N, C-alpha and C. Protein backbone atom coordinates (compact mmCIF):
# COMPACT_ATOMS: atom_id res chain seq x y z
N MET A 1 195.99 -46.73 133.21
CA MET A 1 195.65 -46.77 134.63
C MET A 1 196.94 -46.76 135.44
N ASP A 2 196.98 -45.94 136.43
CA ASP A 2 198.13 -45.81 137.31
C ASP A 2 198.22 -47.03 138.23
N VAL A 3 199.43 -47.53 138.45
CA VAL A 3 199.63 -48.71 139.30
C VAL A 3 199.15 -48.41 140.72
N GLY A 4 199.36 -47.20 141.18
CA GLY A 4 198.91 -46.82 142.52
C GLY A 4 197.40 -46.94 142.68
N VAL A 5 196.66 -46.57 141.66
CA VAL A 5 195.20 -46.67 141.68
C VAL A 5 194.79 -48.14 141.76
N PHE A 6 195.46 -48.98 140.94
CA PHE A 6 195.18 -50.41 140.98
C PHE A 6 195.49 -50.99 142.35
N TRP A 7 196.62 -50.60 142.91
CA TRP A 7 197.04 -51.11 144.22
C TRP A 7 196.03 -50.71 145.29
N ASP A 8 195.60 -49.45 145.29
CA ASP A 8 194.61 -49.00 146.27
C ASP A 8 193.30 -49.77 146.10
N PHE A 9 192.89 -50.00 144.87
CA PHE A 9 191.68 -50.76 144.60
C PHE A 9 191.80 -52.18 145.14
N ALA A 10 192.94 -52.81 144.88
CA ALA A 10 193.14 -54.19 145.33
C ALA A 10 193.13 -54.29 146.85
N GLN A 11 193.69 -53.31 147.53
CA GLN A 11 193.74 -53.35 148.99
C GLN A 11 192.37 -53.16 149.62
N ASP A 12 191.47 -52.49 148.90
CA ASP A 12 190.13 -52.25 149.42
C ASP A 12 189.12 -53.30 148.97
N ASN A 13 189.49 -54.19 148.07
CA ASN A 13 188.55 -55.15 147.48
C ASN A 13 189.12 -56.57 147.45
N HIS A 14 189.41 -57.11 148.61
CA HIS A 14 190.02 -58.44 148.69
C HIS A 14 189.13 -59.51 148.05
N PHE A 15 187.83 -59.37 148.21
CA PHE A 15 186.93 -60.38 147.65
C PHE A 15 187.03 -60.38 146.12
N LEU A 16 187.03 -59.22 145.51
CA LEU A 16 187.12 -59.12 144.06
C LEU A 16 188.48 -59.63 143.55
N VAL A 17 189.54 -59.33 144.29
CA VAL A 17 190.87 -59.82 143.93
C VAL A 17 190.89 -61.35 144.02
N ALA A 18 190.30 -61.90 145.07
CA ALA A 18 190.25 -63.35 145.23
C ALA A 18 189.49 -64.01 144.09
N ILE A 19 188.36 -63.44 143.72
CA ILE A 19 187.56 -63.98 142.60
C ILE A 19 188.37 -63.91 141.30
N THR A 20 189.08 -62.82 141.10
CA THR A 20 189.89 -62.66 139.89
C THR A 20 191.00 -63.71 139.84
N ILE A 21 191.66 -63.94 140.96
CA ILE A 21 192.74 -64.93 140.99
C ILE A 21 192.19 -66.33 140.74
N VAL A 22 191.07 -66.67 141.35
CA VAL A 22 190.45 -67.98 141.11
C VAL A 22 190.05 -68.10 139.64
N ALA A 23 189.52 -67.03 139.07
CA ALA A 23 189.15 -67.05 137.64
C ALA A 23 190.38 -67.29 136.76
N LEU A 24 191.52 -66.74 137.15
CA LEU A 24 192.75 -66.98 136.40
C LEU A 24 193.18 -68.45 136.48
N TYR A 25 192.96 -69.09 137.62
CA TYR A 25 193.24 -70.53 137.74
C TYR A 25 192.34 -71.32 136.79
N ILE A 26 191.08 -70.94 136.72
CA ILE A 26 190.15 -71.63 135.81
C ILE A 26 190.62 -71.42 134.37
N LEU A 27 190.96 -70.20 134.03
CA LEU A 27 191.46 -69.89 132.69
C LEU A 27 192.74 -70.69 132.38
N LYS A 28 193.60 -70.81 133.39
CA LYS A 28 194.86 -71.55 133.21
C LYS A 28 194.60 -73.01 132.87
N SER A 29 193.49 -73.56 133.28
CA SER A 29 193.15 -74.95 132.96
C SER A 29 193.04 -75.16 131.45
N PHE A 30 192.70 -74.09 130.74
CA PHE A 30 192.47 -74.19 129.30
C PHE A 30 193.55 -73.47 128.48
N ILE A 31 194.17 -72.46 129.08
CA ILE A 31 195.23 -71.69 128.41
C ILE A 31 196.48 -71.84 129.26
N TRP A 32 197.38 -72.69 128.84
CA TRP A 32 198.50 -73.09 129.68
C TRP A 32 199.60 -72.06 129.78
N VAL A 33 199.48 -70.92 129.16
CA VAL A 33 200.58 -69.95 129.16
C VAL A 33 200.65 -69.11 130.43
N ILE A 34 199.68 -69.21 131.30
CA ILE A 34 199.72 -68.45 132.54
C ILE A 34 200.65 -69.18 133.51
N PRO A 35 201.77 -68.56 133.90
CA PRO A 35 202.71 -69.24 134.79
C PRO A 35 202.11 -69.44 136.19
N MET A 36 202.28 -70.62 136.73
CA MET A 36 201.77 -70.93 138.06
C MET A 36 202.38 -70.01 139.11
N ASN A 37 203.69 -69.75 138.99
CA ASN A 37 204.34 -68.89 139.97
C ASN A 37 203.77 -67.47 139.95
N PHE A 38 203.31 -67.01 138.79
CA PHE A 38 202.66 -65.71 138.69
C PHE A 38 201.39 -65.68 139.56
N LEU A 39 200.62 -66.77 139.51
CA LEU A 39 199.40 -66.83 140.30
C LEU A 39 199.71 -66.89 141.79
N TYR A 40 200.72 -67.69 142.16
CA TYR A 40 201.11 -67.77 143.58
C TYR A 40 201.56 -66.40 144.07
N LEU A 41 202.45 -65.77 143.30
CA LEU A 41 203.01 -64.49 143.70
C LEU A 41 201.95 -63.39 143.74
N SER A 42 201.04 -63.41 142.78
CA SER A 42 199.96 -62.41 142.75
C SER A 42 199.10 -62.50 144.00
N ALA A 43 198.75 -63.70 144.38
CA ALA A 43 197.94 -63.88 145.59
C ALA A 43 198.71 -63.34 146.80
N GLY A 44 200.01 -63.67 146.88
CA GLY A 44 200.81 -63.21 148.00
C GLY A 44 200.98 -61.70 148.05
N LEU A 45 201.08 -61.08 146.88
CA LEU A 45 201.24 -59.63 146.82
C LEU A 45 199.95 -58.88 147.14
N LEU A 46 198.83 -59.40 146.65
CA LEU A 46 197.59 -58.63 146.67
C LEU A 46 196.65 -58.94 147.84
N LEU A 47 196.90 -60.05 148.52
CA LEU A 47 195.99 -60.45 149.60
C LEU A 47 196.76 -60.66 150.90
N PRO A 48 196.09 -60.49 152.03
CA PRO A 48 196.73 -60.89 153.29
C PRO A 48 197.12 -62.37 153.22
N THR A 49 198.18 -62.76 153.87
CA THR A 49 198.75 -64.09 153.72
C THR A 49 197.74 -65.21 153.91
N VAL A 50 196.92 -65.16 154.95
CA VAL A 50 195.94 -66.23 155.19
C VAL A 50 194.96 -66.33 154.03
N TYR A 51 194.47 -65.21 153.54
CA TYR A 51 193.55 -65.21 152.39
C TYR A 51 194.28 -65.70 151.13
N ALA A 52 195.52 -65.26 150.97
CA ALA A 52 196.29 -65.65 149.79
C ALA A 52 196.46 -67.17 149.73
N VAL A 53 196.77 -67.77 150.86
CA VAL A 53 196.94 -69.22 150.91
C VAL A 53 195.61 -69.92 150.62
N ALA A 54 194.54 -69.44 151.24
CA ALA A 54 193.22 -70.06 151.03
C ALA A 54 192.78 -69.94 149.57
N VAL A 55 192.95 -68.76 148.99
CA VAL A 55 192.56 -68.54 147.59
C VAL A 55 193.43 -69.40 146.66
N THR A 56 194.69 -69.52 146.97
CA THR A 56 195.58 -70.33 146.13
C THR A 56 195.19 -71.80 146.20
N TYR A 57 194.91 -72.30 147.39
CA TYR A 57 194.45 -73.70 147.49
C TYR A 57 193.13 -73.90 146.74
N MET A 58 192.23 -72.93 146.85
CA MET A 58 190.96 -73.04 146.14
C MET A 58 191.20 -73.06 144.63
N GLY A 59 192.04 -72.16 144.15
CA GLY A 59 192.35 -72.11 142.72
C GLY A 59 193.01 -73.40 142.24
N LEU A 60 193.96 -73.91 143.02
CA LEU A 60 194.62 -75.16 142.66
C LEU A 60 193.63 -76.32 142.63
N TYR A 61 192.74 -76.35 143.62
CA TYR A 61 191.74 -77.42 143.69
C TYR A 61 190.86 -77.41 142.43
N ILE A 62 190.42 -76.24 142.07
CA ILE A 62 189.56 -76.12 140.87
C ILE A 62 190.34 -76.48 139.61
N GLU A 63 191.56 -75.94 139.48
CA GLU A 63 192.35 -76.22 138.29
C GLU A 63 192.69 -77.70 138.17
N MET A 64 193.10 -78.32 139.29
CA MET A 64 193.41 -79.75 139.26
C MET A 64 192.17 -80.58 138.94
N SER A 65 191.03 -80.15 139.44
CA SER A 65 189.78 -80.86 139.16
C SER A 65 189.42 -80.79 137.68
N ILE A 66 189.57 -79.64 137.09
CA ILE A 66 189.27 -79.49 135.65
C ILE A 66 190.21 -80.36 134.83
N GLY A 67 191.51 -80.31 135.14
CA GLY A 67 192.47 -81.14 134.43
C GLY A 67 192.16 -82.62 134.58
N TYR A 68 191.77 -83.03 135.78
CA TYR A 68 191.41 -84.42 136.06
C TYR A 68 190.23 -84.84 135.19
N LEU A 69 189.22 -83.99 135.12
CA LEU A 69 188.03 -84.30 134.30
C LEU A 69 188.37 -84.36 132.81
N ILE A 70 189.25 -83.49 132.35
CA ILE A 70 189.69 -83.53 130.96
C ILE A 70 190.42 -84.84 130.69
N GLY A 71 191.24 -85.27 131.64
CA GLY A 71 191.94 -86.55 131.50
C GLY A 71 190.99 -87.73 131.41
N ILE A 72 189.94 -87.70 132.20
CA ILE A 72 188.93 -88.77 132.14
C ILE A 72 188.28 -88.76 130.76
N LYS A 73 187.96 -87.57 130.26
CA LYS A 73 187.28 -87.46 128.97
C LYS A 73 188.15 -87.94 127.80
N TYR A 74 189.41 -87.53 127.76
CA TYR A 74 190.25 -87.86 126.62
C TYR A 74 190.97 -89.20 126.75
N GLY A 75 191.03 -89.72 127.95
CA GLY A 75 191.55 -91.07 128.11
C GLY A 75 193.04 -91.20 128.24
N GLN A 76 193.41 -92.39 128.63
CA GLN A 76 194.78 -92.70 128.98
C GLN A 76 195.76 -92.61 127.81
N LYS A 77 195.40 -93.11 126.67
CA LYS A 77 196.34 -93.17 125.56
C LYS A 77 196.84 -91.78 125.18
N TYR A 78 195.93 -90.84 125.01
CA TYR A 78 196.30 -89.49 124.58
C TYR A 78 197.22 -88.82 125.61
N VAL A 79 196.83 -88.85 126.87
CA VAL A 79 197.57 -88.14 127.90
C VAL A 79 198.87 -88.85 128.24
N LYS A 80 198.82 -90.16 128.37
CA LYS A 80 200.03 -90.92 128.71
C LYS A 80 201.08 -90.80 127.60
N ASP A 81 200.64 -90.77 126.36
CA ASP A 81 201.57 -90.59 125.24
C ASP A 81 202.28 -89.24 125.33
N ALA A 82 201.55 -88.22 125.74
CA ALA A 82 202.16 -86.89 125.89
C ALA A 82 203.24 -86.93 126.97
N PHE A 83 203.01 -87.69 128.04
CA PHE A 83 204.00 -87.81 129.11
C PHE A 83 205.21 -88.62 128.63
N LYS A 84 204.96 -89.68 127.86
CA LYS A 84 206.06 -90.54 127.40
C LYS A 84 207.01 -89.79 126.46
N LYS A 85 206.52 -88.78 125.77
CA LYS A 85 207.35 -88.03 124.82
C LYS A 85 208.42 -87.21 125.53
N ARG A 86 208.19 -86.86 126.77
CA ARG A 86 209.16 -86.06 127.52
C ARG A 86 210.06 -87.00 128.31
N ARG A 87 211.33 -87.02 127.99
CA ARG A 87 212.27 -87.90 128.69
C ARG A 87 212.29 -87.61 130.18
N SER A 88 212.12 -86.34 130.53
CA SER A 88 212.22 -85.96 131.94
C SER A 88 211.04 -86.46 132.77
N THR A 89 209.96 -86.90 132.14
CA THR A 89 208.81 -87.38 132.91
C THR A 89 208.56 -88.88 132.76
N GLN A 90 209.34 -89.56 131.96
CA GLN A 90 209.14 -90.99 131.76
C GLN A 90 209.30 -91.77 133.07
N TRP A 91 210.25 -91.39 133.89
CA TRP A 91 210.47 -92.10 135.15
C TRP A 91 209.27 -91.96 136.08
N LEU A 92 208.54 -90.83 135.96
CA LEU A 92 207.34 -90.65 136.79
C LEU A 92 206.29 -91.71 136.47
N LEU A 93 206.15 -92.05 135.20
CA LEU A 93 205.18 -93.08 134.82
C LEU A 93 205.50 -94.40 135.49
N THR A 94 206.78 -94.71 135.62
CA THR A 94 207.19 -95.94 136.30
C THR A 94 206.78 -95.90 137.76
N ILE A 95 207.03 -94.77 138.43
CA ILE A 95 206.66 -94.63 139.84
C ILE A 95 205.15 -94.69 139.99
N ILE A 96 204.44 -94.00 139.11
CA ILE A 96 202.97 -93.98 139.18
C ILE A 96 202.41 -95.39 139.02
N ASP A 97 202.99 -96.17 138.12
CA ASP A 97 202.52 -97.54 137.92
C ASP A 97 202.74 -98.41 139.16
N LYS A 98 203.82 -98.14 139.90
CA LYS A 98 204.15 -98.96 141.07
C LYS A 98 203.48 -98.45 142.35
N ASN A 99 203.38 -97.13 142.50
CA ASN A 99 202.87 -96.56 143.75
C ASN A 99 202.16 -95.24 143.42
N MET A 100 200.85 -95.33 143.20
CA MET A 100 200.07 -94.17 142.76
C MET A 100 200.14 -92.98 143.74
N PRO A 101 199.95 -93.19 145.06
CA PRO A 101 200.03 -92.02 145.96
C PRO A 101 201.39 -91.33 145.89
N LEU A 102 202.47 -92.13 145.88
CA LEU A 102 203.80 -91.54 145.80
C LEU A 102 203.98 -90.81 144.46
N GLY A 103 203.44 -91.38 143.39
CA GLY A 103 203.50 -90.73 142.09
C GLY A 103 202.78 -89.39 142.08
N CYS A 104 201.59 -89.35 142.66
CA CYS A 104 200.85 -88.07 142.75
C CYS A 104 201.66 -87.04 143.53
N PHE A 105 202.18 -87.47 144.67
CA PHE A 105 202.93 -86.57 145.53
C PHE A 105 204.19 -86.04 144.83
N LEU A 106 204.99 -86.95 144.26
CA LEU A 106 206.25 -86.53 143.62
C LEU A 106 206.02 -85.67 142.39
N THR A 107 204.96 -85.97 141.64
CA THR A 107 204.66 -85.18 140.45
C THR A 107 204.42 -83.72 140.82
N ARG A 108 203.84 -83.50 141.98
CA ARG A 108 203.56 -82.12 142.43
C ARG A 108 204.74 -81.51 143.18
N LEU A 109 205.43 -82.32 143.94
CA LEU A 109 206.54 -81.80 144.75
C LEU A 109 207.70 -81.35 143.88
N LEU A 110 208.03 -82.14 142.88
CA LEU A 110 209.17 -81.83 142.02
C LEU A 110 208.70 -81.04 140.81
N PRO A 111 209.17 -79.81 140.65
CA PRO A 111 208.75 -79.03 139.49
C PRO A 111 209.15 -79.74 138.20
N GLY A 112 208.38 -79.55 137.18
CA GLY A 112 208.69 -80.16 135.90
C GLY A 112 207.44 -80.47 135.11
N ALA A 113 206.56 -81.27 135.70
CA ALA A 113 205.32 -81.61 135.01
C ALA A 113 204.31 -80.50 135.30
N PRO A 114 203.76 -79.86 134.27
CA PRO A 114 202.77 -78.81 134.50
C PRO A 114 201.57 -79.35 135.28
N VAL A 115 201.02 -78.53 136.14
CA VAL A 115 199.89 -78.93 136.99
C VAL A 115 198.75 -79.47 136.14
N ASP A 116 198.41 -78.78 135.07
CA ASP A 116 197.28 -79.18 134.24
C ASP A 116 197.51 -80.55 133.60
N VAL A 117 198.69 -80.74 133.04
CA VAL A 117 199.01 -81.99 132.35
C VAL A 117 199.05 -83.15 133.34
N ALA A 118 199.64 -82.92 134.50
CA ALA A 118 199.69 -83.98 135.52
C ALA A 118 198.28 -84.35 135.96
N SER A 119 197.42 -83.37 136.14
CA SER A 119 196.03 -83.65 136.54
C SER A 119 195.32 -84.47 135.46
N MET A 120 195.58 -84.11 134.20
CA MET A 120 194.99 -84.88 133.10
C MET A 120 195.49 -86.32 133.12
N LEU A 121 196.77 -86.49 133.41
CA LEU A 121 197.34 -87.83 133.48
C LEU A 121 196.63 -88.65 134.56
N PHE A 122 196.47 -88.07 135.74
CA PHE A 122 195.84 -88.82 136.85
C PHE A 122 194.38 -89.10 136.56
N GLY A 123 193.70 -88.19 135.88
CA GLY A 123 192.32 -88.45 135.47
C GLY A 123 192.27 -89.57 134.46
N SER A 124 193.19 -89.55 133.50
CA SER A 124 193.18 -90.57 132.45
C SER A 124 193.52 -91.95 133.01
N LEU A 125 194.31 -91.98 134.08
CA LEU A 125 194.66 -93.25 134.71
C LEU A 125 193.59 -93.72 135.70
N LYS A 126 192.54 -92.92 135.83
CA LYS A 126 191.42 -93.23 136.74
C LYS A 126 191.87 -93.36 138.20
N VAL A 127 192.84 -92.53 138.59
CA VAL A 127 193.24 -92.47 139.99
C VAL A 127 192.03 -92.00 140.77
N PRO A 128 191.72 -92.62 141.91
CA PRO A 128 190.58 -92.13 142.69
C PRO A 128 190.72 -90.62 142.96
N TYR A 129 189.64 -89.90 142.72
CA TYR A 129 189.67 -88.44 142.78
C TYR A 129 190.20 -87.92 144.12
N ALA A 130 189.69 -88.45 145.23
CA ALA A 130 190.11 -87.98 146.56
C ALA A 130 191.60 -88.22 146.77
N GLN A 131 192.09 -89.36 146.34
CA GLN A 131 193.51 -89.68 146.48
C GLN A 131 194.35 -88.72 145.64
N HIS A 132 193.91 -88.47 144.42
CA HIS A 132 194.61 -87.52 143.54
C HIS A 132 194.69 -86.15 144.19
N MET A 133 193.58 -85.65 144.67
CA MET A 133 193.56 -84.30 145.24
C MET A 133 194.39 -84.22 146.52
N PHE A 134 194.25 -85.20 147.40
CA PHE A 134 194.97 -85.18 148.67
C PHE A 134 196.48 -85.15 148.45
N PHE A 135 197.00 -86.10 147.71
CA PHE A 135 198.45 -86.18 147.52
C PHE A 135 198.98 -85.06 146.63
N SER A 136 198.17 -84.59 145.69
CA SER A 136 198.58 -83.48 144.84
C SER A 136 198.70 -82.19 145.63
N LEU A 137 197.71 -81.91 146.47
CA LEU A 137 197.75 -80.67 147.25
C LEU A 137 198.86 -80.70 148.29
N ILE A 138 199.12 -81.86 148.87
CA ILE A 138 200.24 -81.96 149.81
C ILE A 138 201.57 -81.76 149.06
N GLY A 139 201.68 -82.36 147.89
CA GLY A 139 202.92 -82.26 147.13
C GLY A 139 203.23 -80.85 146.65
N VAL A 140 202.20 -80.11 146.27
CA VAL A 140 202.42 -78.77 145.74
C VAL A 140 202.64 -77.74 146.86
N SER A 141 202.26 -78.07 148.07
CA SER A 141 202.26 -77.11 149.17
C SER A 141 203.61 -76.46 149.50
N PRO A 142 204.71 -77.20 149.64
CA PRO A 142 205.94 -76.53 150.07
C PRO A 142 206.37 -75.38 149.15
N PHE A 143 206.40 -75.63 147.85
CA PHE A 143 206.83 -74.59 146.92
C PHE A 143 205.79 -73.48 146.82
N MET A 144 204.52 -73.86 146.75
CA MET A 144 203.45 -72.86 146.64
C MET A 144 203.45 -71.93 147.85
N LEU A 145 203.54 -72.49 149.04
CA LEU A 145 203.52 -71.65 150.25
C LEU A 145 204.73 -70.72 150.28
N THR A 146 205.87 -71.21 149.83
CA THR A 146 207.07 -70.36 149.78
C THR A 146 206.86 -69.16 148.86
N ILE A 147 206.30 -69.40 147.70
CA ILE A 147 206.08 -68.31 146.73
C ILE A 147 205.01 -67.34 147.23
N VAL A 148 203.94 -67.86 147.80
CA VAL A 148 202.87 -66.98 148.32
C VAL A 148 203.44 -66.08 149.41
N VAL A 149 204.18 -66.65 150.34
CA VAL A 149 204.75 -65.84 151.42
C VAL A 149 205.80 -64.88 150.87
N LEU A 150 206.54 -65.30 149.85
CA LEU A 150 207.51 -64.43 149.21
C LEU A 150 206.82 -63.18 148.65
N GLY A 151 205.61 -63.36 148.12
CA GLY A 151 204.85 -62.21 147.59
C GLY A 151 204.65 -61.15 148.65
N LYS A 152 204.30 -61.55 149.85
CA LYS A 152 204.09 -60.58 150.93
C LYS A 152 205.42 -59.99 151.39
N ALA A 153 206.46 -60.81 151.41
CA ALA A 153 207.77 -60.34 151.86
C ALA A 153 208.45 -59.45 150.83
N ALA A 154 207.95 -59.43 149.60
CA ALA A 154 208.57 -58.65 148.53
C ALA A 154 208.59 -57.15 148.82
N PHE A 155 207.74 -56.71 149.73
CA PHE A 155 207.70 -55.29 150.08
C PHE A 155 208.90 -54.88 150.93
N GLN A 156 209.59 -55.88 151.48
CA GLN A 156 210.78 -55.63 152.29
C GLN A 156 211.90 -56.54 151.79
N PRO A 157 212.48 -56.23 150.63
CA PRO A 157 213.44 -57.15 150.01
C PRO A 157 214.74 -57.37 150.78
N LEU A 158 215.03 -56.56 151.76
CA LEU A 158 216.23 -56.77 152.55
C LEU A 158 215.94 -57.42 153.90
N SER A 159 214.69 -57.78 154.13
CA SER A 159 214.33 -58.42 155.40
C SER A 159 214.84 -59.85 155.44
N PRO A 160 215.13 -60.36 156.62
CA PRO A 160 215.59 -61.75 156.74
C PRO A 160 214.58 -62.75 156.16
N LYS A 161 213.31 -62.45 156.30
CA LYS A 161 212.26 -63.34 155.78
C LYS A 161 212.36 -63.45 154.25
N PHE A 162 212.50 -62.32 153.59
CA PHE A 162 212.60 -62.31 152.13
C PHE A 162 213.86 -63.04 151.68
N ILE A 163 214.98 -62.73 152.30
CA ILE A 163 216.25 -63.36 151.93
C ILE A 163 216.18 -64.87 152.15
N ALA A 164 215.61 -65.30 153.27
CA ALA A 164 215.48 -66.74 153.55
C ALA A 164 214.62 -67.42 152.49
N LEU A 165 213.53 -66.79 152.09
CA LEU A 165 212.66 -67.38 151.07
C LEU A 165 213.36 -67.46 149.72
N VAL A 166 214.13 -66.44 149.38
CA VAL A 166 214.87 -66.47 148.11
C VAL A 166 215.92 -67.58 148.15
N VAL A 167 216.58 -67.76 149.28
CA VAL A 167 217.55 -68.84 149.42
C VAL A 167 216.87 -70.20 149.25
N VAL A 168 215.69 -70.38 149.85
CA VAL A 168 214.95 -71.63 149.70
C VAL A 168 214.62 -71.88 148.23
N ILE A 169 214.16 -70.85 147.55
CA ILE A 169 213.81 -70.99 146.12
C ILE A 169 215.05 -71.34 145.30
N ILE A 170 216.18 -70.72 145.60
CA ILE A 170 217.42 -71.04 144.87
C ILE A 170 217.83 -72.49 145.12
N ILE A 171 217.72 -72.95 146.35
CA ILE A 171 218.06 -74.34 146.67
C ILE A 171 217.13 -75.29 145.93
N VAL A 172 215.84 -74.98 145.92
CA VAL A 172 214.87 -75.82 145.19
C VAL A 172 215.21 -75.82 143.70
N PHE A 173 215.55 -74.67 143.16
CA PHE A 173 215.90 -74.58 141.74
C PHE A 173 217.13 -75.43 141.43
N ILE A 174 218.15 -75.33 142.27
CA ILE A 174 219.37 -76.11 142.05
C ILE A 174 219.05 -77.60 142.15
N PHE A 175 218.30 -78.00 143.16
CA PHE A 175 217.91 -79.40 143.32
C PHE A 175 217.12 -79.86 142.10
N HIS A 176 216.17 -79.04 141.69
CA HIS A 176 215.33 -79.36 140.54
C HIS A 176 216.18 -79.56 139.29
N THR A 177 217.07 -78.64 139.04
CA THR A 177 217.91 -78.73 137.85
C THR A 177 218.78 -79.98 137.88
N PHE A 178 219.42 -80.25 139.01
CA PHE A 178 220.26 -81.44 139.15
C PHE A 178 219.42 -82.71 139.01
N PHE A 179 218.28 -82.75 139.68
CA PHE A 179 217.42 -83.92 139.68
C PHE A 179 216.91 -84.25 138.28
N TRP A 180 216.41 -83.25 137.56
CA TRP A 180 215.88 -83.49 136.22
C TRP A 180 216.97 -83.85 135.23
N ARG A 181 218.13 -83.24 135.36
CA ARG A 181 219.23 -83.60 134.46
C ARG A 181 219.64 -85.05 134.69
N LYS A 182 219.68 -85.45 135.94
CA LYS A 182 220.05 -86.83 136.27
C LYS A 182 219.00 -87.80 135.73
N LYS A 183 217.73 -87.47 135.87
CA LYS A 183 216.65 -88.34 135.40
C LYS A 183 216.54 -88.35 133.88
N SER A 184 216.98 -87.28 133.23
CA SER A 184 216.88 -87.18 131.77
C SER A 184 217.95 -88.00 131.06
N LYS A 185 218.99 -88.37 131.76
CA LYS A 185 220.11 -89.11 131.13
C LYS A 185 219.82 -90.59 131.02
C-alpha cells in the first residue's frame, strides 16, 4: 500500500483513525511494546490538533483504567515487588506512601515508570479511582501535549513552533536523564 493512499484515507476518515488509535491504547494495556510516544505522535500527525488531544486523553483514560483494574485484581504484593526491583522507581514508593496525590502526579510527570505499570501500582494500592485518574492525567499532560502538537508541527520542521517543541523535548530529556541518574544512586 502506498503511503500517499494511506495518508489520503486518514485525512478523509478522522473517526476511523480515532477509533484505531484508541484501540491501540487498549492493546497497549496488554502488550507493552507499543511506545507511548508513538501513540501521541500518531494522533498529532493523523488528526486535527483538537481531535488528537481529545483522542489521546480518551486513550490514556481507558489504558490507565485497564491497568488500574489489573492492579486491583493481582494485588499489591505482585505489583509493588515489580516496582521495588527497579532502583529508579524505589523513591516513588516512598513518596506514594507519604503523599498519594503527589505520587500519582510525579509518576506521570517524570518519564520512567511505564503508564501501564504505574496504573497497576495505583490499583494495587487501592488509590481512589477518581484521585488516580485526576492526578495521573494532569501529570501526563505536559509531555503528552508537547508530543501531540509536535506531530502536527512535523510537517514544517523548520518552523519556530517545531523547533521550540524539539527544544522542550530535549530539555525534558536532559532533566529526565539527570533526575533518574541522581535518584538511582
